[in-house]
Amino acid sequence: MAKILLMEDDISLAEGLKYYLDKNGFDTDTADTVALGRKAAEDNSYDMLILDVSLPDGTGFELCEYIREKGSSVPVIFLTASDEEINVIRGLDIGGDDYITKPFKLGELLSRIKALLRRAGINNSEIISGAIRIDTANGRVYKNGKKLELTAAEYRLLSLLMRNKGNVVVRNTILDTLWDSCGSFVDDNTLSVYIRRLREKIEDDPSRPTYLLTVRGFGYKWNEV
């Protein structure tokens, strides 16, 4: 799973982008200042940086210049409220790979991210957690290298939970996802059946699950083992 650093000081925008990117199979960290972004870049290895140009303590240009001086070739996308030519030229001249002007469509940002990752030779077509691996490009699931036979609904349920690992996914969200994927009515009782069957396929001991946990009164959570 490709790891992204998003440096954005608009908290609501940052949270929304993180949710969207994580839902689409990325592992996203956020920082709202240049100082925090620099520390994150020093402490972690990222496959891409998405940098807001204007920040409280500086600009995204500064972090880009810093990592390029360190010899990093990680792809960089700038987020800017202005498409003035001087800003675009500066961003590209210091080593940026692309820029996108606010406001932008999420689909456009996602397409540009995927294009840059492909150019960098980074594959984001897998979701891995412990012994479980989802090959999203081919719609297959493996446990310890052995292919699991899942129904379409079980596959989408597993994908939803693993993309949101560590977070509680409420029952209504799961029901909406299964309804959309199956084209038929799915209620609480049916969901319980899906959960039980999925546990029988992915857990070593379905009666004592370690991956797919129940959060009583709310929904379910994928536990990173």
C-alpha atoms as a PDB file:
ATOM      1  CA  MET A   1       0.000   0.000   0.000  1.00  0.00           C
ATOM      2  CA  ALA A   2       1.485   3.339  -1.071  1.00  0.00           C
ATOM      3  CA  LYS A   3       2.178   5.707   1.819  1.00  0.00           C
ATOM      4  CA  ILE A   4       1.355   9.399   1.351  1.00  0.00           C
ATOM      5  CA  LEU A   5       2.201  12.505   3.369  1.00  0.00           C
ATOM      6  CA  LEU A   6      -0.462  15.210   3.021  1.00  0.00           C
ATOM      7  CA  MET A   7       0.645  18.643   4.251  1.00  0.00           C
ATOM      8  CA  GLU A   8      -2.451  20.862   4.515  1.00  0.00           C
ATOM      9  CA  ASP A   9      -3.415  23.422   7.189  1.00  0.00           C
ATOM     10  CA  ASP A  10      -7.151  23.417   6.435  1.00  0.00           C
ATOM     11  CA  ILE A  11      -8.126  20.769   8.989  1.00  0.00           C
ATOM     12  CA  SER A  12     -11.503  19.907   7.473  1.00  0.00           C
ATOM     13  CA  LEU A  13      -9.977  19.573   3.998  1.00  0.00           C
ATOM     14  CA  ALA A  14      -7.086  17.494   5.338  1.00  0.00           C
ATOM     15  CA  GLU A  15      -9.433  15.146   7.188  1.00  0.00           C
ATOM     16  CA  GLY A  16     -11.657  14.783   4.133  1.00  0.00           C
ATOM     17  CA  LEU A  17      -8.724  14.069   1.833  1.00  0.00           C
ATOM     18  CA  LYS A  18      -7.219  11.579   4.277  1.00  0.00           C
ATOM     19  CA  TYR A  19     -10.521   9.710   4.513  1.00  0.00           C
ATOM     20  CA  TYR A  20     -10.875   9.651   0.719  1.00  0.00           C
ATOM     21  CA  LEU A  21      -7.305   8.524   0.063  1.00  0.00           C
ATOM     22  CA  ASP A  22      -7.367   5.856   2.773  1.00  0.00           C
ATOM     23  CA  LYS A  23     -10.670   4.580   1.409  1.00  0.00           C
ATOM     24  CA  ASN A  24      -8.997   4.234  -1.988  1.00  0.00           C
ATOM     25  CA  GLY A  25      -6.219   2.048  -0.660  1.00  0.00           C
ATOM     26  CA  PHE A  26      -3.550   4.514   0.464  1.00  0.00           C
ATOM     27  CA  ASP A  27      -1.941   4.924   3.869  1.00  0.00           C
ATOM     28  CA  THR A  28      -2.098   8.668   4.545  1.00  0.00           C
ATOM     29  CA  ASP A  29      -0.377  10.791   7.195  1.00  0.00           C
ATOM     30  CA  THR A  30      -1.214  14.475   7.643  1.00  0.00           C
ATOM     31  CA  ALA A  31       0.704  17.534   8.829  1.00  0.00           C
ATOM     32  CA  ASP A  32      -0.584  21.105   9.120  1.00  0.00           C
ATOM     33  CA  THR A  33       2.749  22.959   9.241  1.00  0.00           C
ATOM     34  CA  VAL A  34       6.051  22.824   7.400  1.00  0.00           C
ATOM     35  CA  ALA A  35       7.808  21.893  10.656  1.00  0.00           C
ATOM     36  CA  LEU A  36       5.542  18.881  11.226  1.00  0.00           C
ATOM     37  CA  GLY A  37       5.772  17.902   7.586  1.00  0.00           C
ATOM     38  CA  ARG A  38       9.555  18.001   7.689  1.00  0.00           C
ATOM     39  CA  LYS A  39       9.649  15.881  10.843  1.00  0.00           C
ATOM     40  CA  ALA A  40       7.245  13.347   9.297  1.00  0.00           C
ATOM     41  CA  ALA A  41       9.375  13.158   6.150  1.00  0.00           C
ATOM     42  CA  GLU A  42      12.488  12.597   8.249  1.00  0.00           C
ATOM     43  CA  ASP A  43      10.894   9.900  10.413  1.00  0.00           C
ATOM     44  CA  ASN A  44       9.042   7.990   7.687  1.00  0.00           C
ATOM     45  CA  SER A  45       9.473   6.723   4.165  1.00  0.00           C
ATOM     46  CA  TYR A  46       6.767   8.025   1.829  1.00  0.00           C
ATOM     47  CA  ASP A  47       5.841   7.076  -1.726  1.00  0.00           C
ATOM     48  CA  MET A  48       4.336  10.509  -2.419  1.00  0.00           C
ATOM     49  CA  LEU A  49       4.058  13.983  -0.908  1.00  0.00           C
ATOM     50  CA  ILE A  50       1.009  16.200  -1.435  1.00  0.00           C
ATOM     51  CA  LEU A  51       1.976  19.686  -0.281  1.00  0.00           C
ATOM     52  CA  ASP A  52      -0.164  22.761   0.192  1.00  0.00           C
ATOM     53  CA  VAL A  53       1.756  25.804  -1.009  1.00  0.00           C
ATOM     54  CA  SER A  54       0.608  28.234   1.723  1.00  0.00           C
ATOM     55  CA  LEU A  55       1.093  27.137   5.342  1.00  0.00           C
ATOM     56  CA  PRO A  56       1.211  28.999   8.690  1.00  0.00           C
ATOM     57  CA  ASP A  57       4.986  28.693   9.033  1.00  0.00           C
ATOM     58  CA  GLY A  58       6.084  28.684   5.413  1.00  0.00           C
ATOM     59  CA  THR A  59       5.328  27.000   2.092  1.00  0.00           C
ATOM     60  CA  GLY A  60       5.220  23.556   0.611  1.00  0.00           C
ATOM     61  CA  PHE A  61       8.057  24.680  -1.650  1.00  0.00           C
ATOM     62  CA  GLU A  62      10.364  24.637   1.370  1.00  0.00           C
ATOM     63  CA  LEU A  63       9.726  20.977   2.166  1.00  0.00           C
ATOM     64  CA  CYS A  64      10.117  20.025  -1.488  1.00  0.00           C
ATOM     65  CA  GLU A  65      13.468  21.833  -1.667  1.00  0.00           C
ATOM     66  CA  TYR A  66      14.570  20.172   1.571  1.00  0.00           C
ATOM     67  CA  ILE A  67      13.863  16.607   0.449  1.00  0.00           C
ATOM     68  CA  ARG A  68      15.374  17.193  -2.996  1.00  0.00           C
ATOM     69  CA  GLU A  69      18.567  18.468  -1.342  1.00  0.00           C
ATOM     70  CA  LYS A  70      18.601  15.201   0.609  1.00  0.00           C
ATOM     71  CA  GLY A  71      18.524  13.306  -2.672  1.00  0.00           C
ATOM     72  CA  SER A  72      14.923  12.087  -2.466  1.00  0.00           C
ATOM     73  CA  SER A  73      13.086  11.510  -5.755  1.00  0.00           C
ATOM     74  CA  VAL A  74       9.674  10.878  -4.151  1.00  0.00           C
ATOM     75  CA  PRO A  75       6.856  12.263  -6.352  1.00  0.00           C
ATOM     76  CA  VAL A  76       5.486  15.639  -5.195  1.00  0.00           C
ATOM     77  CA  ILE A  77       2.117  17.214  -5.987  1.00  0.00           C
ATOM     78  CA  PHE A  78       1.506  20.826  -4.957  1.00  0.00           C
ATOM     79  CA  LEU A  79      -1.928  22.037  -3.872  1.00  0.00           C
ATOM     80  CA  THR A  80      -2.353  25.723  -4.624  1.00  0.00           C
ATOM     81  CA  ALA A  81      -5.165  28.246  -4.393  1.00  0.00           C
ATOM     82  CA  SER A  82      -3.646  30.038  -7.364  1.00  0.00           C
ATOM     83  CA  ASP A  83      -2.613  28.824 -10.797  1.00  0.00           C
ATOM     84  CA  GLU A  84      -0.430  31.892 -11.386  1.00  0.00           C
ATOM     85  CA  GLU A  85       2.348  30.970 -13.764  1.00  0.00           C
ATOM     86  CA  ILE A  86       5.093  32.124 -11.412  1.00  0.00           C
ATOM     87  CA  ASN A  87       3.970  29.667  -8.695  1.00  0.00           C
ATOM     88  CA  VAL A  88       3.630  26.819 -11.161  1.00  0.00           C
ATOM     89  CA  ILE A  89       7.093  27.467 -12.608  1.00  0.00           C
ATOM     90  CA  ARG A  90       8.685  27.698  -9.173  1.00  0.00           C
ATOM     91  CA  GLY A  91       7.078  24.464  -8.016  1.00  0.00           C
ATOM     92  CA  LEU A  92       8.265  22.555 -11.083  1.00  0.00           C
ATOM     93  CA  ASP A  93      11.718  24.157 -11.042  1.00  0.00           C
ATOM     94  CA  ILE A  94      12.452  23.035  -7.485  1.00  0.00           C
ATOM     95  CA  GLY A  95      11.510  19.427  -8.210  1.00  0.00           C
ATOM     96  CA  GLY A  96       7.734  19.220  -8.020  1.00  0.00           C
ATOM     97  CA  ASP A  97       6.087  16.720 -10.360  1.00  0.00           C
ATOM     98  CA  ASP A  98       2.583  18.152 -10.645  1.00  0.00           C
ATOM     99  CA  TYR A  99       0.237  20.746  -9.189  1.00  0.00           C
ATOM    100  CA  ILE A 100      -3.505  20.999  -8.773  1.00  0.00           C
ATOM    101  CA  THR A 101      -5.477  24.175  -8.206  1.00  0.00           C
ATOM    102  CA  LYS A 102      -8.094  24.487  -5.477  1.00  0.00           C
ATOM    103  CA  PRO A 103     -10.956  23.811  -5.598  1.00  0.00           C
ATOM    104  CA  PHE A 104     -10.450  20.490  -7.326  1.00  0.00           C
ATOM    105  CA  LYS A 105     -12.383  17.294  -7.893  1.00  0.00           C
ATOM    106  CA  LEU A 106     -11.332  14.301  -5.811  1.00  0.00           C
ATOM    107  CA  GLY A 107     -11.360  12.048  -8.844  1.00  0.00           C
ATOM    108  CA  GLU A 108      -8.901  14.323 -10.625  1.00  0.00           C
ATOM    109  CA  LEU A 109      -6.513  14.273  -7.676  1.00  0.00           C
ATOM    110  CA  LEU A 110      -6.763  10.484  -7.441  1.00  0.00           C
ATOM    111  CA  SER A 111      -6.019  10.105 -11.155  1.00  0.00           C
ATOM    112  CA  ARG A 112      -2.930  12.293 -10.893  1.00  0.00           C
ATOM    113  CA  ILE A 113      -1.695  10.410  -7.836  1.00  0.00           C
ATOM    114  CA  LYS A 114      -2.050   7.071  -9.609  1.00  0.00           C
ATOM    115  CA  ALA A 115      -0.358   8.396 -12.749  1.00  0.00           C
ATOM    116  CA  LEU A 116       2.662   9.652 -10.799  1.00  0.00           C
ATOM    117  CA  LEU A 117       2.938   6.426  -8.822  1.00  0.00           C
ATOM    118  CA  ARG A 118       2.863   4.405 -12.035  1.00  0.00           C
ATOM    119  CA  ARG A 119       5.627   6.563 -13.467  1.00  0.00           C
ATOM    120  CA  ALA A 120       7.611   6.006 -10.272  1.00  0.00           C
ATOM    121  CA  GLY A 121       7.090   2.253 -10.547  1.00  0.00           C
ATOM    122  CA  ILE A 122       5.059   2.037  -7.323  1.00  0.00           C
ATOM    123  CA  ASN A 123       2.297  -0.577  -7.227  1.00  0.00           C
ATOM    124  CA  ASN A 124      -0.754   0.255  -5.141  1.00  0.00           C
ATOM    125  CA  SER A 125      -2.831  -2.727  -6.230  1.00  0.00           C
ATOM    126  CA  GLU A 126      -2.515  -4.654  -2.962  1.00  0.00           C
ATOM    127  CA  ILE A 127      -3.897  -4.309   0.541  1.00  0.00           C
ATOM    128  CA  ILE A 128      -1.937  -6.334   3.085  1.00  0.00           C
ATOM    129  CA  SER A 129      -2.609  -6.953   6.765  1.00  0.00           C
ATOM    130  CA  GLY A 130      -0.868  -9.751   8.590  1.00  0.00           C
ATOM    131  CA  ALA A 131      -1.390 -12.989   6.680  1.00  0.00           C
ATOM    132  CA  ILE A 132      -4.210 -11.522   4.557  1.00  0.00           C
ATOM    133  CA  ARG A 133      -3.509  -9.985   1.154  1.00  0.00           C
ATOM    134  CA  ILE A 134      -6.030  -8.506  -1.274  1.00  0.00           C
ATOM    135  CA  ASP A 135      -4.981  -8.300  -4.915  1.00  0.00           C
ATOM    136  CA  THR A 136      -7.289  -5.429  -5.875  1.00  0.00           C
ATOM    137  CA  ALA A 137      -6.220  -5.475  -9.528  1.00  0.00           C
ATOM    138  CA  ASN A 138      -7.553  -9.006  -9.977  1.00  0.00           C
ATOM    139  CA  GLY A 139     -10.138  -9.185  -7.202  1.00  0.00           C
ATOM    140  CA  ARG A 140      -8.455 -12.024  -5.329  1.00  0.00           C
ATOM    141  CA  VAL A 141      -7.742 -12.647  -1.647  1.00  0.00           C
ATOM    142  CA  TYR A 142      -4.944 -14.746  -0.169  1.00  0.00           C
ATOM    143  CA  LYS A 143      -4.117 -15.999   3.308  1.00  0.00           C
ATOM    144  CA  ASN A 144      -0.507 -17.063   3.823  1.00  0.00           C
ATOM    145  CA  GLY A 145      -0.190 -17.203   0.031  1.00  0.00           C
ATOM    146  CA  LYS A 146      -3.188 -19.497  -0.432  1.00  0.00           C
ATOM    147  CA  LYS A 147      -6.114 -18.190  -2.442  1.00  0.00           C
ATOM    148  CA  LEU A 148      -9.405 -17.858  -0.551  1.00  0.00           C
ATOM    149  CA  GLU A 149     -12.738 -18.443  -2.262  1.00  0.00           C
ATOM    150  CA  LEU A 150     -14.915 -15.447  -1.376  1.00  0.00           C
ATOM    151  CA  THR A 151     -18.271 -14.377  -2.739  1.00  0.00           C
ATOM    152  CA  ALA A 152     -18.586 -10.893  -4.260  1.00  0.00           C
ATOM    153  CA  ALA A 153     -20.260  -9.598  -1.089  1.00  0.00           C
ATOM    154  CA  GLU A 154     -17.596 -11.133   1.159  1.00  0.00           C
ATOM    155  CA  TYR A 155     -14.855  -9.603  -1.002  1.00  0.00           C
ATOM    156  CA  ARG A 156     -16.372  -6.123  -0.783  1.00  0.00           C
ATOM    157  CA  LEU A 157     -16.956  -6.472   2.942  1.00  0.00           C
ATOM    158  CA  LEU A 158     -13.351  -7.525   3.506  1.00  0.00           C
ATOM    159  CA  SER A 159     -12.039  -4.722   1.264  1.00  0.00           C
ATOM    160  CA  LEU A 160     -14.097  -2.111   3.103  1.00  0.00           C
ATOM    161  CA  LEU A 161     -12.869  -3.245   6.513  1.00  0.00           C
ATOM    162  CA  MET A 162      -9.206  -3.584   5.507  1.00  0.00           C
ATOM    163  CA  ARG A 163      -9.169  -0.176   3.808  1.00  0.00           C
ATOM    164  CA  ASN A 164     -10.377   1.262   7.119  1.00  0.00           C
ATOM    165  CA  LYS A 165      -8.118  -0.835   9.348  1.00  0.00           C
ATOM    166  CA  GLY A 166      -7.987   0.333  12.927  1.00  0.00           C
ATOM    167  CA  ASN A 167     -11.228   2.323  12.550  1.00  0.00           C
ATOM    168  CA  VAL A 168     -14.759   1.288  13.431  1.00  0.00           C
ATOM    169  CA  VAL A 169     -16.962   0.916  10.350  1.00  0.00           C
ATOM    170  CA  VAL A 170     -20.565   1.450  11.428  1.00  0.00           C
ATOM    171  CA  ARG A 171     -23.200  -1.071  10.422  1.00  0.00           C
ATOM    172  CA  ASN A 172     -25.117   1.382   8.214  1.00  0.00           C
ATOM    173  CA  THR A 173     -21.999   2.069   6.140  1.00  0.00           C
ATOM    174  CA  ILE A 174     -21.421  -1.651   5.700  1.00  0.00           C
ATOM    175  CA  LEU A 175     -25.060  -2.289   4.799  1.00  0.00           C
ATOM    176  CA  ASP A 176     -24.976   0.496   2.187  1.00  0.00           C
ATOM    177  CA  THR A 177     -21.793  -0.946   0.687  1.00  0.00           C
ATOM    178  CA  LEU A 178     -23.207  -4.468   0.469  1.00  0.00           C
ATOM    179  CA  TRP A 179     -26.500  -3.228  -0.938  1.00  0.00           C
ATOM    180  CA  ASP A 180     -24.651  -1.353  -3.688  1.00  0.00           C
ATOM    181  CA  SER A 181     -22.456  -4.328  -4.531  1.00  0.00           C
ATOM    182  CA  CYS A 182     -25.097  -7.032  -4.426  1.00  0.00           C
ATOM    183  CA  GLY A 183     -28.021  -5.139  -5.901  1.00  0.00           C
ATOM    184  CA  SER A 184     -30.317  -6.692  -3.324  1.00  0.00           C
ATOM    185  CA  PHE A 185     -31.619  -5.933   0.134  1.00  0.00           C
ATOM    186  CA  VAL A 186     -29.184  -6.587   2.967  1.00  0.00           C
ATOM    187  CA  ASP A 187     -30.366  -6.307   6.571  1.00  0.00           C
ATOM    188  CA  ASP A 188     -28.689  -6.748   9.972  1.00  0.00           C
ATOM    189  CA  ASN A 189     -29.335 -10.495  10.048  1.00  0.00           C
ATOM    190  CA  THR A 190     -27.835 -10.974   6.586  1.00  0.00           C
ATOM    191  CA  LEU A 191     -24.814  -8.892   7.591  1.00  0.00           C
ATOM    192  CA  SER A 192     -24.269 -11.128  10.621  1.00  0.00           C
ATOM    193  CA  VAL A 193     -24.246 -14.130   8.291  1.00  0.00           C
ATOM    194  CA  TYR A 194     -21.662 -12.466   6.021  1.00  0.00           C
ATOM    195  CA  ILE A 195     -19.475 -11.641   9.015  1.00  0.00           C
ATOM    196  CA  ARG A 196     -19.634 -15.209  10.318  1.00  0.00           C
ATOM    197  CA  ARG A 197     -18.820 -16.717   6.930  1.00  0.00           C
ATOM    198  CA  LEU A 198     -15.966 -14.288   6.351  1.00  0.00           C
ATOM    199  CA  ARG A 199     -14.482 -15.122   9.756  1.00  0.00           C
ATOM    200  CA  GLU A 200     -14.630 -18.815   8.900  1.00  0.00           C
ATOM    201  CA  LYS A 201     -12.430 -18.101   5.878  1.00  0.00           C
ATOM    202  CA  ILE A 202      -9.908 -15.609   7.257  1.00  0.00           C
ATOM    203  CA  GLU A 203      -9.572 -16.385  10.981  1.00  0.00           C
ATOM    204  CA  ASP A 204      -7.448 -19.188  12.437  1.00  0.00           C
ATOM    205  CA  ASP A 205     -10.126 -19.585  15.115  1.00  0.00           C
ATOM    206  CA  PRO A 206     -13.445 -18.018  13.981  1.00  0.00           C
ATOM    207  CA  SER A 207     -14.842 -18.240  17.533  1.00  0.00           C
ATOM    208  CA  ARG A 208     -11.959 -16.068  18.744  1.00  0.00           C
ATOM    209  CA  PRO A 209     -11.358 -13.609  15.908  1.00  0.00           C
ATOM    210  CA  THR A 210      -8.149 -11.591  15.811  1.00  0.00           C
ATOM    211  CA  TYR A 211      -8.730  -9.701  12.548  1.00  0.00           C
ATOM    212  CA  LEU A 212     -12.439  -8.995  12.245  1.00  0.00           C
ATOM    213  CA  LEU A 213     -13.593  -7.589  15.575  1.00  0.00           C
ATOM    214  CA  THR A 214     -17.110  -6.699  16.705  1.00  0.00           C
ATOM    215  CA  VAL A 215     -17.556  -3.278  18.297  1.00  0.00           C
ATOM    216  CA  ARG A 216     -20.820  -3.752  20.127  1.00  0.00           C
ATOM    217  CA  GLY A 217     -23.437  -1.126  19.454  1.00  0.00           C
ATOM    218  CA  PHE A 218     -21.517   0.359  16.524  1.00  0.00           C
ATOM    219  CA  GLY A 219     -20.219  -2.055  13.911  1.00  0.00           C
ATOM    220  CA  TYR A 220     -16.971  -3.821  13.091  1.00  0.00           C
ATOM    221  CA  LYS A 221     -13.266  -3.056  12.999  1.00  0.00           C
ATOM    222  CA  TRP A 222     -10.335  -4.617  11.168  1.00  0.00           C
ATOM    223  CA  ASN A 223      -7.522  -5.199  13.609  1.00  0.00           C
ATOM    224  CA  GLU A 224      -3.958  -4.951  12.284  1.00  0.00           C
ATOM    225  CA  VAL A 225      -2.370  -8.167  13.599  1.00  0.00           C
END
